[in-house]
């Protein structure tokens, strides 16, 4: 693997992140995210840059609840896909989750093998208790709605697998 640095994203990275994920959006691997949504979530993102400073990967960690986070938007450029960059990004996001005090990580993915190699397992729909579920329903975040498997986001989640890792 070439020399890769993982760092926090900045607002200057957002257009690059959008361009990076677009081919995966076009292939229905990732959900489309508006630029405004990416800017609002910049603090959740880590980016991978090569020795020339070029953006080659990204991933985000979103806190869902006191003990639960979600890994979102892991992507790499075609030039580094399969070289371990995505694994390094996910490892960093898991370290960030532990630092925040999270105990579990959720993902909604087509890439089950990738996440299984990091200890994620397929889970059913009930990941939180009924009281927490009702409180989380108040969130305006579409990702939380997808986590909760609410009816209005079902078209977004078709074919995806719900996975969980205990940290």
Protein backbone atom coordinates (compact mmCIF):
# COMPACT_ATOMS: atom_id res chain seq x y z
CA UNK A 1 0.00 0.00 0.00
CA UNK A 2 1.27 3.47 -0.84
CA UNK A 3 1.90 6.07 1.86
CA UNK A 4 -1.54 7.12 3.13
CA UNK A 5 -2.39 9.60 5.85
CA UNK A 6 -5.73 9.57 7.66
CA UNK A 7 -6.83 12.94 9.04
CA UNK A 8 -9.93 14.83 10.04
CA UNK A 9 -11.81 16.31 7.10
CA UNK A 10 -12.02 20.05 6.63
CA UNK A 11 -14.54 22.14 4.75
CA UNK A 12 -12.00 22.28 1.92
CA UNK A 13 -12.37 18.49 1.50
CA UNK A 14 -16.14 18.44 1.03
CA UNK A 15 -16.29 18.96 -2.75
CA UNK A 16 -13.63 16.24 -3.10
CA UNK A 17 -15.62 13.89 -0.85
CA UNK A 18 -18.71 14.54 -2.97
CA UNK A 19 -16.75 13.77 -6.15
CA UNK A 20 -15.21 10.69 -4.53
CA UNK A 21 -18.55 9.15 -3.55
CA UNK A 22 -20.41 10.07 -6.78
CA UNK A 23 -19.34 6.96 -8.75
CA UNK A 24 -20.59 4.79 -5.87
CA UNK A 25 -23.84 6.76 -5.76
CA UNK A 26 -24.20 6.21 -9.52
CA UNK A 27 -23.81 2.44 -8.95
CA UNK A 28 -26.35 2.54 -6.06
CA UNK A 29 -23.69 1.43 -3.57
CA UNK A 30 -23.91 4.64 -1.50
CA UNK A 31 -26.79 7.00 -0.90
CA UNK A 32 -26.58 10.41 -2.54
CA UNK A 33 -25.70 13.20 -0.14
CA UNK A 34 -26.28 16.85 -0.91
CA UNK A 35 -23.31 19.18 -0.47
CA UNK A 36 -25.12 20.95 2.36
CA UNK A 37 -25.45 17.61 4.18
CA UNK A 38 -21.74 16.88 3.73
CA UNK A 39 -20.79 20.34 5.02
CA UNK A 40 -23.08 19.87 8.04
CA UNK A 41 -21.35 16.57 8.80
CA UNK A 42 -17.74 17.61 8.09
CA UNK A 43 -16.73 17.01 11.72
CA UNK A 44 -17.81 13.36 11.39
CA UNK A 45 -15.51 12.64 8.43
CA UNK A 46 -11.99 11.30 8.21
CA UNK A 47 -10.21 11.44 4.89
CA UNK A 48 -7.34 9.44 3.44
CA UNK A 49 -4.78 11.37 1.41
CA UNK A 50 -1.83 10.03 -0.53
CA UNK A 51 1.76 11.31 -0.46
CA UNK A 52 0.83 14.03 -2.99
CA UNK A 53 -2.00 15.22 -0.75
CA UNK A 54 -4.69 13.84 -3.06
CA UNK A 55 -7.93 12.67 -1.48
CA UNK A 56 -8.20 8.90 -2.01
CA UNK A 57 -10.75 7.87 0.60
CA UNK A 58 -13.24 8.95 3.21
CA UNK A 59 -15.50 7.67 5.94
CA UNK A 60 -17.72 9.11 8.64
CA UNK A 61 -18.76 8.25 12.17
CA UNK A 62 -22.18 9.44 13.26
CA UNK A 63 -23.30 9.14 16.87
CA UNK A 64 -26.81 7.68 17.01
CA UNK A 65 -27.24 7.27 20.75
CA UNK A 66 -25.38 7.16 24.07
CA UNK A 67 -23.65 3.86 23.28
CA UNK A 68 -24.27 3.51 19.55
CA UNK A 69 -22.67 4.99 16.45
CA UNK A 70 -22.99 4.45 12.73
CA UNK A 71 -20.21 4.12 10.18
CA UNK A 72 -21.24 6.06 7.09
CA UNK A 73 -19.95 6.85 3.62
CA UNK A 74 -16.79 4.75 3.49
CA UNK A 75 -15.39 5.13 -0.01
CA UNK A 76 -12.09 5.04 -1.85
CA UNK A 77 -10.98 6.00 -5.32
CA UNK A 78 -10.69 3.23 -7.89
CA UNK A 79 -6.91 3.77 -7.89
CA UNK A 80 -6.57 2.53 -4.29
CA UNK A 81 -9.58 0.21 -4.01
CA UNK A 82 -8.42 -3.19 -2.80
CA UNK A 83 -5.15 -1.90 -1.30
CA UNK A 84 -6.33 -1.64 2.32
CA UNK A 85 -7.16 2.08 2.43
CA UNK A 86 -10.81 1.42 3.31
CA UNK A 87 -9.68 -0.87 6.13
CA UNK A 88 -7.40 1.83 7.54
CA UNK A 89 -10.25 4.35 7.42
CA UNK A 90 -12.61 1.95 9.19
CA UNK A 91 -9.98 1.17 11.84
CA UNK A 92 -9.64 4.91 12.52
CA UNK A 93 -13.40 5.36 12.76
CA UNK A 94 -13.59 2.48 15.24
CA UNK A 95 -10.83 4.11 17.32
CA UNK A 96 -12.77 7.39 17.21
CA UNK A 97 -15.89 5.54 18.37
CA UNK A 98 -14.06 4.05 21.34
CA UNK A 99 -12.65 7.48 22.20
CA UNK A 100 -16.20 8.89 22.25
CA UNK A 101 -17.31 6.12 24.60
CA UNK A 102 -19.42 4.23 22.08
CA UNK A 103 -19.88 0.52 22.70
CA UNK A 104 -21.48 -0.55 19.41
CA UNK A 105 -21.18 0.43 15.76
CA UNK A 106 -23.89 -0.02 13.16
CA UNK A 107 -23.66 0.03 9.38
CA UNK A 108 -26.11 -0.42 6.54
CA UNK A 109 -24.18 -1.85 3.63
CA UNK A 110 -23.92 -3.89 0.46
CA UNK A 111 -20.27 -4.65 1.33
CA UNK A 112 -20.86 -7.29 3.99
CA UNK A 113 -17.53 -9.07 3.47
CA UNK A 114 -15.59 -5.87 4.09
CA UNK A 115 -17.36 -5.24 7.39
CA UNK A 116 -17.28 -8.90 8.46
CA UNK A 117 -13.47 -8.77 8.27
CA UNK A 118 -13.68 -6.10 10.98
CA UNK A 119 -15.97 -8.08 13.28
CA UNK A 120 -19.36 -6.75 12.18
CA UNK A 121 -22.18 -9.29 12.15
CA UNK A 122 -25.56 -9.27 10.42
CA UNK A 123 -28.37 -8.20 12.75
CA UNK A 124 -32.14 -7.94 12.65
CA UNK A 125 -34.14 -4.76 12.93
CA UNK A 126 -34.36 -4.37 16.73
CA UNK A 127 -31.02 -2.95 17.85
CA UNK A 128 -32.32 -0.55 20.51
CA UNK A 129 -35.02 -0.93 23.13
CA UNK A 130 -38.55 0.41 22.54
CA UNK A 131 -38.07 3.56 24.63
CA UNK A 132 -34.85 4.51 22.82
CA UNK A 133 -36.48 3.74 19.48
CA UNK A 134 -39.30 6.19 20.22
CA UNK A 135 -36.85 8.92 21.24
CA UNK A 136 -34.69 8.36 18.13
CA UNK A 137 -37.78 8.68 15.90
CA UNK A 138 -37.69 12.42 16.69
CA UNK A 139 -34.41 12.88 14.82
CA UNK A 140 -34.66 14.73 11.49
CA UNK A 141 -31.58 12.84 10.21
CA UNK A 142 -32.40 10.52 7.29
CA UNK A 143 -29.62 8.17 8.39
CA UNK A 144 -31.32 7.71 11.75
CA UNK A 145 -34.57 6.96 9.91
CA UNK A 146 -32.69 4.34 7.88
CA UNK A 147 -31.23 2.89 11.08
CA UNK A 148 -34.72 2.67 12.56
CA UNK A 149 -35.95 1.13 9.28
CA UNK A 150 -38.83 3.58 9.02
CA UNK A 151 -41.24 3.05 6.14
CA UNK A 152 -40.55 6.35 4.36
CA UNK A 153 -36.86 5.43 3.82
CA UNK A 154 -37.40 1.79 2.80
CA UNK A 155 -36.56 2.55 -0.88
CA UNK A 156 -33.14 3.83 0.29
CA UNK A 157 -32.33 0.64 2.15
CA UNK A 158 -33.47 -2.05 -0.27
CA UNK A 159 -30.83 -4.74 -0.64
CA UNK A 160 -28.63 -3.36 2.12
CA UNK A 161 -27.63 -5.49 5.08
CA UNK A 162 -27.85 -4.24 8.67
CA UNK A 163 -24.64 -5.04 10.56
CA UNK A 164 -23.38 -4.37 14.07
CA UNK A 165 -20.06 -4.58 15.88
CA UNK A 166 -19.57 -4.61 19.62
CA UNK A 167 -16.45 -2.57 20.41
